[in-house]
Structure formats: C-alpha cells, structure tokens
Amino acid sequence: MDTCKSVLLVDDDPVFLQTLGRSLQRKQFHVTMLSESTAALAAIEASRFDLVLLDLNLAGESGLKLLIDMLRIQPEARIVMLTAYASVATAVDAIKRGADNYLCKPIKTSDIVALFEAEPIAADEEEVEPEHPMSVDRLEWEHVQRVLMENDGNISATARALNMHRRTLQRKLQKRPVKK
C-alpha cells in the first residue's frame, strides 16, 4: 500500500477525532482532522483527498447534506459515512447520495486500511436477504429512522407522522439502536 495516502476526517467528537486521526497517522496516512462542516468544505475545495471519513451527525447538522456539498465540489471524492447510530435507512440514503461506504463506530484502523483495497458499494446493488430476521425492536428503530429521514431530521414532524409524543420520540432516539 502506498504510504502517502491522504485522509480527511470530519467528526465533531474531539476524542474520536484525535484517537482515530493519530492511529491513521501511525499507519503513515496524511490526516487532516476537522470538526466543522464549513472547514471541511474549505478543505475539500483546497485539496484532493484519497478518502474522506465523514460523520453522519456533525453537532446537529446532517452529514448527508455535507456529503452532497462535498461531491458537488469534488465529484470523484471517495466519501465514507461514519455513525454511532447506524440504521438501514440512513445507510441506503448515504449510498444513494454518493457515499462509497457506510461504517459503524467505533471503527478500527484496519477497517480504514481495507477501504483502500475495497470497491465502492454501488447504489443499485441488490439487497441481500439477512440470514436472521431483525427483532421487533430493531424493526421499530429502522422505521423511526426512515420516518425521521423523510422529515429531514425534524423531530416534531416525525413524532406527528409516527403518532407519537415528541418527548417519547426523543427518548427513543437517545438510546443506542437495539441489536439485530
């Protein structure tokens, strides 16, 4: 592997940002670490990166919107979405919007190294039926995430669409997703 690969790491969690950034630097990557969307857009305008690791939620802003803006500036950019709260709905949306991959935090440096050898996921690839069906709790989580995405992250509109009290929805969203 070429030891001069450049990575743009965009995440609003300072501990995660520094930990992953240092780990990648030890693997001989040139890493630019940023925590704000405006700085990330400026960086992608100024430089070409071999890989962009982009958090799905940047201090309340949608990483999906930033993904679109980045691809508008640099259409050939390889962008991988990262999230601690993965759902099928956001994964599919990220891939459809142009992300090369979608990974769940915490992520290992070896997973990132493997990205340089992997082919990007095609937006029109056939879905593979899971070996074990999802639990009812996981299905609920996926449904809530899909409706939230359809309402552009608006909690009140999502709660109305789900016929649920807004505070109940907020409590559900604060919990980690249930196991499949």
N, C-alpha and C. Protein backbone atom coordinates (compact mmCIF):
# COMPACT_ATOMS: atom_id res chain seq x y z
N MET A 1 0.84 -1.19 0.00
CA MET A 1 0.00 0.00 0.00
C MET A 1 0.87 1.24 0.00
N ASP A 2 0.46 2.23 -0.76
CA ASP A 2 1.16 3.50 -0.81
C ASP A 2 1.09 4.16 0.56
N THR A 3 2.22 4.62 1.07
CA THR A 3 2.24 5.19 2.41
C THR A 3 1.91 6.67 2.43
N CYS A 4 1.59 7.26 1.29
CA CYS A 4 1.31 8.71 1.24
C CYS A 4 -0.16 9.00 1.03
N LYS A 5 -1.03 8.11 1.39
CA LYS A 5 -2.47 8.33 1.21
C LYS A 5 -2.93 9.44 2.15
N SER A 6 -3.83 10.28 1.63
CA SER A 6 -4.35 11.38 2.45
C SER A 6 -5.80 11.11 2.82
N VAL A 7 -6.13 11.42 4.07
CA VAL A 7 -7.46 11.17 4.61
C VAL A 7 -7.97 12.46 5.25
N LEU A 8 -9.20 12.83 4.91
CA LEU A 8 -9.89 13.92 5.59
C LEU A 8 -10.86 13.28 6.56
N LEU A 9 -10.67 13.57 7.84
CA LEU A 9 -11.51 13.01 8.90
C LEU A 9 -12.35 14.14 9.47
N VAL A 10 -13.68 14.02 9.34
CA VAL A 10 -14.60 15.07 9.79
C VAL A 10 -15.54 14.47 10.83
N ASP A 11 -15.37 14.91 12.08
CA ASP A 11 -16.19 14.40 13.18
C ASP A 11 -16.22 15.44 14.29
N ASP A 12 -17.37 15.61 14.93
CA ASP A 12 -17.49 16.62 15.99
C ASP A 12 -17.13 16.09 17.37
N ASP A 13 -16.82 14.81 17.48
CA ASP A 13 -16.39 14.23 18.76
C ASP A 13 -14.87 14.36 18.85
N PRO A 14 -14.37 15.27 19.71
CA PRO A 14 -12.92 15.52 19.74
C PRO A 14 -12.09 14.30 20.14
N VAL A 15 -12.62 13.48 21.02
CA VAL A 15 -11.87 12.28 21.45
C VAL A 15 -11.76 11.29 20.29
N PHE A 16 -12.87 11.03 19.62
CA PHE A 16 -12.86 10.12 18.47
C PHE A 16 -11.95 10.67 17.38
N LEU A 17 -12.09 11.95 17.10
CA LEU A 17 -11.31 12.61 16.05
C LEU A 17 -9.81 12.44 16.30
N GLN A 18 -9.36 12.76 17.51
CA GLN A 18 -7.94 12.66 17.83
C GLN A 18 -7.46 11.21 17.87
N THR A 19 -8.26 10.33 18.44
CA THR A 19 -7.85 8.92 18.56
C THR A 19 -7.69 8.28 17.19
N LEU A 20 -8.71 8.42 16.34
CA LEU A 20 -8.64 7.82 15.01
C LEU A 20 -7.58 8.52 14.16
N GLY A 21 -7.51 9.84 14.27
CA GLY A 21 -6.52 10.59 13.50
C GLY A 21 -5.09 10.15 13.82
N ARG A 22 -4.78 10.03 15.09
CA ARG A 22 -3.42 9.59 15.48
C ARG A 22 -3.16 8.16 15.04
N SER A 23 -4.15 7.32 15.15
CA SER A 23 -4.00 5.92 14.74
C SER A 23 -3.69 5.84 13.24
N LEU A 24 -4.38 6.64 12.44
CA LEU A 24 -4.12 6.66 11.00
C LEU A 24 -2.74 7.24 10.69
N GLN A 25 -2.33 8.24 11.44
CA GLN A 25 -1.00 8.82 11.24
C GLN A 25 0.09 7.79 11.53
N ARG A 26 -0.13 6.96 12.55
CA ARG A 26 0.84 5.90 12.85
C ARG A 26 0.94 4.89 11.71
N LYS A 27 -0.12 4.78 10.91
CA LYS A 27 -0.12 3.88 9.75
C LYS A 27 0.40 4.59 8.50
N GLN A 28 1.00 5.74 8.69
CA GLN A 28 1.63 6.52 7.62
C GLN A 28 0.65 7.21 6.68
N PHE A 29 -0.56 7.51 7.16
CA PHE A 29 -1.50 8.30 6.38
C PHE A 29 -1.28 9.77 6.70
N HIS A 30 -1.51 10.63 5.72
CA HIS A 30 -1.52 12.07 5.96
C HIS A 30 -2.96 12.40 6.32
N VAL A 31 -3.22 12.85 7.56
CA VAL A 31 -4.58 13.03 8.06
C VAL A 31 -4.86 14.51 8.34
N THR A 32 -5.97 14.97 7.81
CA THR A 32 -6.48 16.30 8.14
C THR A 32 -7.71 16.07 9.00
N MET A 33 -7.71 16.59 10.23
CA MET A 33 -8.81 16.38 11.18
C MET A 33 -9.59 17.67 11.36
N LEU A 34 -10.88 17.62 11.10
CA LEU A 34 -11.74 18.79 11.22
C LEU A 34 -13.02 18.41 11.95
N SER A 35 -13.61 19.41 12.63
CA SER A 35 -14.82 19.13 13.39
C SER A 35 -16.03 19.95 12.93
N GLU A 36 -15.86 20.79 11.92
CA GLU A 36 -16.96 21.63 11.45
C GLU A 36 -17.17 21.49 9.96
N SER A 37 -18.41 21.61 9.53
CA SER A 37 -18.75 21.43 8.12
C SER A 37 -18.14 22.51 7.23
N THR A 38 -18.11 23.75 7.70
CA THR A 38 -17.56 24.83 6.87
C THR A 38 -16.06 24.61 6.63
N ALA A 39 -15.36 24.18 7.66
CA ALA A 39 -13.93 23.89 7.50
C ALA A 39 -13.71 22.70 6.57
N ALA A 40 -14.58 21.71 6.65
CA ALA A 40 -14.47 20.53 5.79
C ALA A 40 -14.69 20.91 4.32
N LEU A 41 -15.68 21.77 4.06
CA LEU A 41 -15.92 22.22 2.69
C LEU A 41 -14.73 23.01 2.15
N ALA A 42 -14.16 23.85 3.00
CA ALA A 42 -12.98 24.62 2.58
C ALA A 42 -11.82 23.68 2.28
N ALA A 43 -11.65 22.65 3.08
CA ALA A 43 -10.55 21.71 2.87
C ALA A 43 -10.71 20.94 1.57
N ILE A 44 -11.94 20.53 1.26
CA ILE A 44 -12.15 19.75 0.03
C ILE A 44 -12.07 20.64 -1.20
N GLU A 45 -12.32 21.93 -1.03
CA GLU A 45 -12.11 22.87 -2.14
C GLU A 45 -10.63 23.08 -2.40
N ALA A 46 -9.84 23.08 -1.34
CA ALA A 46 -8.41 23.39 -1.45
C ALA A 46 -7.55 22.18 -1.80
N SER A 47 -7.97 20.98 -1.45
CA SER A 47 -7.12 19.80 -1.62
C SER A 47 -7.91 18.61 -2.13
N ARG A 48 -7.17 17.65 -2.64
CA ARG A 48 -7.74 16.35 -3.03
C ARG A 48 -7.33 15.35 -1.97
N PHE A 49 -8.28 14.54 -1.53
CA PHE A 49 -8.01 13.52 -0.52
C PHE A 49 -8.30 12.15 -1.14
N ASP A 50 -7.51 11.17 -0.74
CA ASP A 50 -7.74 9.82 -1.22
C ASP A 50 -9.00 9.23 -0.60
N LEU A 51 -9.34 9.70 0.60
CA LEU A 51 -10.52 9.21 1.31
C LEU A 51 -11.03 10.28 2.26
N VAL A 52 -12.35 10.41 2.34
CA VAL A 52 -12.98 11.31 3.31
C VAL A 52 -13.81 10.44 4.24
N LEU A 53 -13.56 10.57 5.53
CA LEU A 53 -14.37 9.88 6.56
C LEU A 53 -15.24 10.94 7.20
N LEU A 54 -16.54 10.83 7.02
CA LEU A 54 -17.48 11.88 7.38
C LEU A 54 -18.52 11.37 8.36
N ASP A 55 -18.64 12.04 9.50
CA ASP A 55 -19.64 11.67 10.50
C ASP A 55 -21.03 12.00 9.97
N LEU A 56 -21.99 11.13 10.28
CA LEU A 56 -23.36 11.32 9.84
C LEU A 56 -24.04 12.50 10.54
N ASN A 57 -23.64 12.77 11.79
CA ASN A 57 -24.25 13.85 12.56
C ASN A 57 -23.14 14.75 13.09
N LEU A 58 -23.03 15.95 12.57
CA LEU A 58 -22.00 16.90 12.98
C LEU A 58 -22.64 18.01 13.80
N ALA A 59 -22.61 17.88 15.10
CA ALA A 59 -23.15 18.89 16.01
C ALA A 59 -24.56 19.33 15.58
N GLY A 60 -25.40 18.35 15.29
CA GLY A 60 -26.78 18.65 14.91
C GLY A 60 -26.98 18.86 13.42
N GLU A 61 -25.91 19.01 12.66
CA GLU A 61 -26.03 19.16 11.21
C GLU A 61 -25.99 17.78 10.56
N SER A 62 -26.61 17.66 9.43
CA SER A 62 -26.62 16.38 8.72
C SER A 62 -25.35 16.20 7.90
N GLY A 63 -24.66 15.10 8.16
CA GLY A 63 -23.51 14.75 7.35
C GLY A 63 -23.92 14.42 5.93
N LEU A 64 -25.18 14.01 5.74
CA LEU A 64 -25.68 13.71 4.40
C LEU A 64 -25.72 14.96 3.53
N LYS A 65 -26.10 16.08 4.11
CA LYS A 65 -26.09 17.35 3.37
C LYS A 65 -24.66 17.73 3.01
N LEU A 66 -23.75 17.56 3.97
CA LEU A 66 -22.35 17.87 3.72
C LEU A 66 -21.79 16.94 2.64
N LEU A 67 -22.21 15.70 2.64
CA LEU A 67 -21.80 14.74 1.62
C LEU A 67 -22.15 15.27 0.23
N ILE A 68 -23.37 15.73 0.07
CA ILE A 68 -23.82 16.26 -1.23
C ILE A 68 -23.00 17.48 -1.62
N ASP A 69 -22.76 18.39 -0.66
CA ASP A 69 -21.97 19.58 -0.93
C ASP A 69 -20.54 19.23 -1.32
N MET A 70 -19.96 18.25 -0.63
CA MET A 70 -18.59 17.82 -0.95
C MET A 70 -18.51 17.22 -2.35
N LEU A 71 -19.49 16.39 -2.70
CA LEU A 71 -19.49 15.77 -4.02
C LEU A 71 -19.75 16.78 -5.13
N ARG A 72 -20.46 17.85 -4.81
CA ARG A 72 -20.67 18.92 -5.79
C ARG A 72 -19.34 19.60 -6.09
N ILE A 73 -18.52 19.79 -5.06
CA ILE A 73 -17.22 20.43 -5.22
C ILE A 73 -16.22 19.48 -5.87
N GLN A 74 -16.24 18.22 -5.41
CA GLN A 74 -15.25 17.24 -5.87
C GLN A 74 -15.98 15.92 -6.16
N PRO A 75 -16.58 15.79 -7.37
CA PRO A 75 -17.42 14.64 -7.68
C PRO A 75 -16.72 13.28 -7.58
N GLU A 76 -15.41 13.26 -7.75
CA GLU A 76 -14.68 11.99 -7.70
C GLU A 76 -14.24 11.60 -6.29
N ALA A 77 -14.59 12.39 -5.29
CA ALA A 77 -14.17 12.10 -3.91
C ALA A 77 -14.74 10.77 -3.43
N ARG A 78 -13.90 10.02 -2.72
CA ARG A 78 -14.35 8.77 -2.08
C ARG A 78 -14.73 9.14 -0.66
N ILE A 79 -16.02 9.10 -0.36
CA ILE A 79 -16.51 9.51 0.95
C ILE A 79 -17.17 8.33 1.65
N VAL A 80 -16.76 8.10 2.89
CA VAL A 80 -17.31 7.03 3.71
C VAL A 80 -18.01 7.68 4.89
N MET A 81 -19.28 7.34 5.08
CA MET A 81 -20.04 7.88 6.20
C MET A 81 -19.76 7.04 7.44
N LEU A 82 -19.60 7.71 8.58
CA LEU A 82 -19.40 7.06 9.87
C LEU A 82 -20.54 7.45 10.79
N THR A 83 -21.00 6.50 11.59
CA THR A 83 -22.04 6.82 12.56
C THR A 83 -22.00 5.86 13.73
N ALA A 84 -22.39 6.36 14.88
CA ALA A 84 -22.52 5.51 16.06
C ALA A 84 -23.93 4.92 16.14
N TYR A 85 -24.85 5.49 15.37
CA TYR A 85 -26.24 5.06 15.39
C TYR A 85 -26.68 4.63 14.00
N ALA A 86 -26.21 3.49 13.58
CA ALA A 86 -26.48 3.01 12.23
C ALA A 86 -27.92 2.54 12.07
N SER A 87 -28.43 2.75 10.88
CA SER A 87 -29.73 2.20 10.52
C SER A 87 -29.70 1.89 9.03
N VAL A 88 -30.53 0.96 8.62
CA VAL A 88 -30.59 0.60 7.21
C VAL A 88 -31.01 1.81 6.39
N ALA A 89 -31.96 2.58 6.89
CA ALA A 89 -32.48 3.73 6.15
C ALA A 89 -31.39 4.76 5.87
N THR A 90 -30.59 5.10 6.88
CA THR A 90 -29.54 6.09 6.65
C THR A 90 -28.42 5.52 5.80
N ALA A 91 -28.15 4.23 5.92
CA ALA A 91 -27.11 3.60 5.09
C ALA A 91 -27.51 3.66 3.62
N VAL A 92 -28.74 3.28 3.33
CA VAL A 92 -29.24 3.30 1.95
C VAL A 92 -29.23 4.73 1.42
N ASP A 93 -29.68 5.68 2.23
CA ASP A 93 -29.71 7.08 1.81
C ASP A 93 -28.30 7.60 1.52
N ALA A 94 -27.35 7.27 2.39
CA ALA A 94 -25.97 7.72 2.19
C ALA A 94 -25.40 7.17 0.89
N ILE A 95 -25.62 5.91 0.62
CA ILE A 95 -25.11 5.29 -0.61
C ILE A 95 -25.79 5.91 -1.84
N LYS A 96 -27.10 6.12 -1.76
CA LYS A 96 -27.82 6.74 -2.88
C LYS A 96 -27.34 8.16 -3.15
N ARG A 97 -26.93 8.84 -2.10
CA ARG A 97 -26.47 10.23 -2.26
C ARG A 97 -25.01 10.31 -2.71
N GLY A 98 -24.34 9.16 -2.79
CA GLY A 98 -22.99 9.18 -3.34
C GLY A 98 -21.88 8.69 -2.43
N ALA A 99 -22.20 8.28 -1.21
CA ALA A 99 -21.15 7.76 -0.32
C ALA A 99 -20.63 6.44 -0.88
N ASP A 100 -19.35 6.20 -0.72
CA ASP A 100 -18.74 4.96 -1.19
C ASP A 100 -19.00 3.82 -0.22
N ASN A 101 -19.19 4.15 1.04
CA ASN A 101 -19.41 3.12 2.04
C ASN A 101 -20.04 3.77 3.27
N TYR A 102 -20.43 2.95 4.22
CA TYR A 102 -21.11 3.39 5.43
C TYR A 102 -20.64 2.47 6.55
N LEU A 103 -19.98 3.02 7.55
CA LEU A 103 -19.41 2.20 8.62
C LEU A 103 -19.88 2.67 9.99
N CYS A 104 -19.99 1.71 10.90
CA CYS A 104 -20.42 1.99 12.26
C CYS A 104 -19.23 2.23 13.18
N LYS A 105 -19.36 3.23 14.04
CA LYS A 105 -18.35 3.48 15.07
C LYS A 105 -18.58 2.51 16.22
N PRO A 106 -17.60 2.16 16.96
CA PRO A 106 -16.20 2.51 16.76
C PRO A 106 -15.64 1.74 15.57
N ILE A 107 -14.66 2.33 14.93
CA ILE A 107 -14.07 1.74 13.74
C ILE A 107 -12.59 1.48 14.00
N LYS A 108 -12.10 0.40 13.46
CA LYS A 108 -10.68 0.05 13.61
C LYS A 108 -9.89 0.65 12.45
N THR A 109 -8.65 0.96 12.72
CA THR A 109 -7.77 1.47 11.67
C THR A 109 -7.65 0.46 10.54
N SER A 110 -7.63 -0.82 10.87
CA SER A 110 -7.52 -1.86 9.83
C SER A 110 -8.73 -1.82 8.89
N ASP A 111 -9.91 -1.42 9.40
CA ASP A 111 -11.09 -1.29 8.54
C ASP A 111 -10.90 -0.16 7.53
N ILE A 112 -10.25 0.89 7.94
CA ILE A 112 -10.00 2.02 7.05
C ILE A 112 -8.95 1.65 6.01
N VAL A 113 -7.91 0.96 6.44
CA VAL A 113 -6.88 0.49 5.51
C VAL A 113 -7.53 -0.40 4.45
N ALA A 114 -8.46 -1.25 4.87
CA ALA A 114 -9.16 -2.14 3.95
C ALA A 114 -10.00 -1.38 2.93
N LEU A 115 -10.45 -0.17 3.29
CA LEU A 115 -11.24 0.63 2.37
C LEU A 115 -10.47 0.97 1.10
N PHE A 116 -9.15 1.10 1.23
CA PHE A 116 -8.34 1.44 0.07
C PHE A 116 -8.25 0.27 -0.91
N GLU A 117 -8.52 -0.92 -0.43
CA GLU A 117 -8.47 -2.11 -1.27
C GLU A 117 -9.86 -2.53 -1.75
N ALA A 118 -10.91 -2.00 -1.10
CA ALA A 118 -12.28 -2.41 -1.41
C ALA A 118 -12.86 -1.59 -2.54
N GLU A 119 -13.79 -2.19 -3.24
CA GLU A 119 -14.54 -1.50 -4.28
C GLU A 119 -15.68 -0.73 -3.62
N PRO A 120 -16.03 0.46 -4.11
CA PRO A 120 -17.17 1.18 -3.56
C PRO A 120 -18.47 0.39 -3.75
N ILE A 121 -19.42 0.61 -2.87
CA ILE A 121 -20.73 -0.03 -2.96
C ILE A 121 -21.54 0.70 -4.02
N ALA A 122 -22.13 -0.03 -4.92
CA ALA A 122 -22.96 0.59 -5.95
C ALA A 122 -24.34 0.87 -5.38
N ALA A 123 -24.91 2.02 -5.73
CA ALA A 123 -26.21 2.42 -5.20
C ALA A 123 -27.32 1.49 -5.67
N ASP A 124 -27.11 0.82 -6.80
CA ASP A 124 -28.16 -0.05 -7.33
C ASP A 124 -27.91 -1.53 -7.05
N GLU A 125 -26.95 -1.84 -6.17
CA GLU A 125 -26.70 -3.24 -5.85
C GLU A 125 -27.92 -3.87 -5.21
N GLU A 126 -28.14 -5.14 -5.52
CA GLU A 126 -29.26 -5.86 -4.94
C GLU A 126 -29.05 -6.05 -3.45
N GLU A 127 -30.13 -5.88 -2.70
CA GLU A 127 -30.04 -6.12 -1.26
C GLU A 127 -30.00 -7.62 -1.01
N VAL A 128 -29.16 -8.01 -0.07
CA VAL A 128 -29.06 -9.42 0.29
C VAL A 128 -29.96 -9.66 1.49
N GLU A 129 -30.76 -10.68 1.41
CA GLU A 129 -31.67 -11.02 2.49
C GLU A 129 -30.86 -11.45 3.71
N PRO A 130 -31.11 -10.88 4.89
CA PRO A 130 -30.35 -11.27 6.07
C PRO A 130 -30.61 -12.71 6.45
N GLU A 131 -29.58 -13.32 7.04
CA GLU A 131 -29.68 -14.72 7.45
C GLU A 131 -30.73 -14.89 8.54
N HIS A 132 -30.75 -13.94 9.50
CA HIS A 132 -31.72 -13.97 10.60
C HIS A 132 -32.56 -12.71 10.51
N PRO A 133 -33.87 -12.83 10.61
CA PRO A 133 -34.71 -11.63 10.55
C PRO A 133 -34.44 -10.71 11.74
N MET A 134 -34.70 -9.42 11.54
CA MET A 134 -34.50 -8.44 12.61
C MET A 134 -35.53 -8.63 13.71
N SER A 135 -35.13 -8.24 14.91
CA SER A 135 -36.07 -8.28 16.03
C SER A 135 -37.11 -7.18 15.84
N VAL A 136 -38.20 -7.27 16.57
CA VAL A 136 -39.25 -6.27 16.50
C VAL A 136 -38.71 -4.91 16.95
N ASP A 137 -37.88 -4.90 18.00
CA ASP A 137 -37.30 -3.64 18.47
C ASP A 137 -36.41 -3.01 17.40
N ARG A 138 -35.63 -3.83 16.71
CA ARG A 138 -34.76 -3.32 15.65
C ARG A 138 -35.59 -2.81 14.48
N LEU A 139 -36.67 -3.51 14.14
CA LEU A 139 -37.56 -3.05 13.07
C LEU A 139 -38.16 -1.69 13.42
N GLU A 140 -38.54 -1.53 14.70
CA GLU A 140 -39.08 -0.24 15.14
C GLU A 140 -38.03 0.85 14.97
N TRP A 141 -36.79 0.57 15.40
CA TRP A 141 -35.68 1.53 15.27
C TRP A 141 -35.50 1.93 13.81
N GLU A 142 -35.49 0.96 12.91
CA GLU A 142 -35.30 1.22 11.48
C GLU A 142 -36.44 2.08 10.95
N HIS A 143 -37.68 1.77 11.35
CA HIS A 143 -38.83 2.53 10.89
C HIS A 143 -38.75 3.98 11.38
N VAL A 144 -38.42 4.17 12.63
CA VAL A 144 -38.28 5.53 13.19
C VAL A 144 -37.21 6.30 12.41
N GLN A 145 -36.08 5.65 12.14
CA GLN A 145 -35.00 6.31 11.40
C GLN A 145 -35.44 6.69 9.98
N ARG A 146 -36.19 5.83 9.33
CA ARG A 146 -36.66 6.11 7.98
C ARG A 146 -37.61 7.30 7.99
N VAL A 147 -38.55 7.32 8.94
CA VAL A 147 -39.51 8.43 9.01
C VAL A 147 -38.79 9.73 9.38
N LEU A 148 -37.82 9.65 10.27
CA LEU A 148 -37.02 10.82 10.64
C LEU A 148 -36.29 11.38 9.41
N MET A 149 -35.74 10.49 8.61
CA MET A 149 -35.04 10.91 7.41
C MET A 149 -36.01 11.54 6.41
N GLU A 150 -37.20 10.97 6.27
CA GLU A 150 -38.21 11.52 5.36
C GLU A 150 -38.64 12.92 5.79
N ASN A 151 -38.51 13.22 7.08
CA ASN A 151 -38.88 14.54 7.60
C ASN A 151 -37.66 15.43 7.81
N ASP A 152 -36.58 15.12 7.12
CA ASP A 152 -35.35 15.92 7.16
C ASP A 152 -34.84 16.17 8.57
N GLY A 153 -34.98 15.17 9.45
CA GLY A 153 -34.47 15.29 10.80
C GLY A 153 -35.34 16.09 11.75
N ASN A 154 -36.50 16.52 11.30
CA ASN A 154 -37.40 17.33 12.13
C ASN A 154 -38.11 16.41 13.12
N ILE A 155 -37.78 16.58 14.41
CA ILE A 155 -38.33 15.71 15.46
C ILE A 155 -39.85 15.87 15.59
N SER A 156 -40.32 17.11 15.58
CA SER A 156 -41.76 17.34 15.74
C SER A 156 -42.57 16.74 14.60
N ALA A 157 -42.11 16.94 13.36
CA ALA A 157 -42.82 16.39 12.20
C ALA A 157 -42.77 14.86 12.24
N THR A 158 -41.64 14.30 12.65
CA THR A 158 -41.51 12.85 12.73
C THR A 158 -42.45 12.29 13.79
N ALA A 159 -42.52 12.95 14.95
CA ALA A 159 -43.42 12.50 16.02
C ALA A 159 -44.87 12.52 15.54
N ARG A 160 -45.25 13.57 14.81
CA ARG A 160 -46.62 13.64 14.28
C ARG A 160 -46.86 12.49 13.29
N ALA A 161 -45.88 12.25 12.41
CA ALA A 161 -46.04 11.19 11.41
C ALA A 161 -46.14 9.80 12.05
N LEU A 162 -45.46 9.63 13.18
CA LEU A 162 -45.49 8.34 13.88
C LEU A 162 -46.62 8.26 14.90
N ASN A 163 -47.39 9.36 15.03
CA ASN A 163 -48.47 9.42 16.02
C ASN A 163 -47.90 9.14 17.42
N MET A 164 -46.84 9.86 17.75
CA MET A 164 -46.09 9.63 18.99
C MET A 164 -45.80 10.99 19.62
N HIS A 165 -45.75 11.04 20.92
CA HIS A 165 -45.39 12.27 21.60
C HIS A 165 -43.93 12.60 21.29
N ARG A 166 -43.64 13.88 21.11
CA ARG A 166 -42.29 14.31 20.74
C ARG A 166 -41.25 13.86 21.76
N ARG A 167 -41.56 13.96 23.05
CA ARG A 167 -40.60 13.56 24.09
C ARG A 167 -40.33 12.06 24.06
N THR A 168 -41.35 11.28 23.76
CA THR A 168 -41.17 9.83 23.64
C THR A 168 -40.22 9.52 22.49
N LEU A 169 -40.42 10.21 21.38
CA LEU A 169 -39.54 10.03 20.23
C LEU A 169 -38.11 10.42 20.58
N GLN A 170 -37.94 11.55 21.26
CA GLN A 170 -36.60 11.98 21.64
C GLN A 170 -35.91 10.96 22.54
N ARG A 171 -36.65 10.37 23.46
CA ARG A 171 -36.07 9.33 24.33
C ARG A 171 -35.64 8.12 23.50
N LYS A 172 -36.46 7.72 22.55
CA LYS A 172 -36.13 6.58 21.69
C LYS A 172 -34.86 6.87 20.88
N LEU A 173 -34.75 8.09 20.39
CA LEU A 173 -33.60 8.45 19.56
C LEU A 173 -32.31 8.56 20.37
N GLN A 174 -32.41 8.85 21.66
CA GLN A 174 -31.21 8.96 22.51
C GLN A 174 -30.63 7.61 22.86
N LYS A 175 -31.45 6.57 22.78
CA LYS A 175 -30.96 5.22 23.10
C LYS A 175 -30.14 4.68 21.93
N ARG A 176 -29.19 3.84 22.26
CA ARG A 176 -28.45 3.15 21.20
C ARG A 176 -29.39 2.20 20.49
N PRO A 177 -29.16 1.98 19.21
CA PRO A 177 -30.05 1.06 18.49
C PRO A 177 -29.94 -0.35 19.07
N VAL A 178 -31.05 -1.04 19.04
CA VAL A 178 -31.08 -2.40 19.56
C VAL A 178 -30.36 -3.33 18.61
N LYS A 179 -29.90 -4.44 19.14
CA LYS A 179 -29.23 -5.46 18.32
C LYS A 179 -30.19 -6.01 17.29
N LYS A 180 -29.65 -6.48 16.23
CA LYS A 180 -30.49 -7.05 15.16
C LYS A 180 -31.07 -8.33 15.64
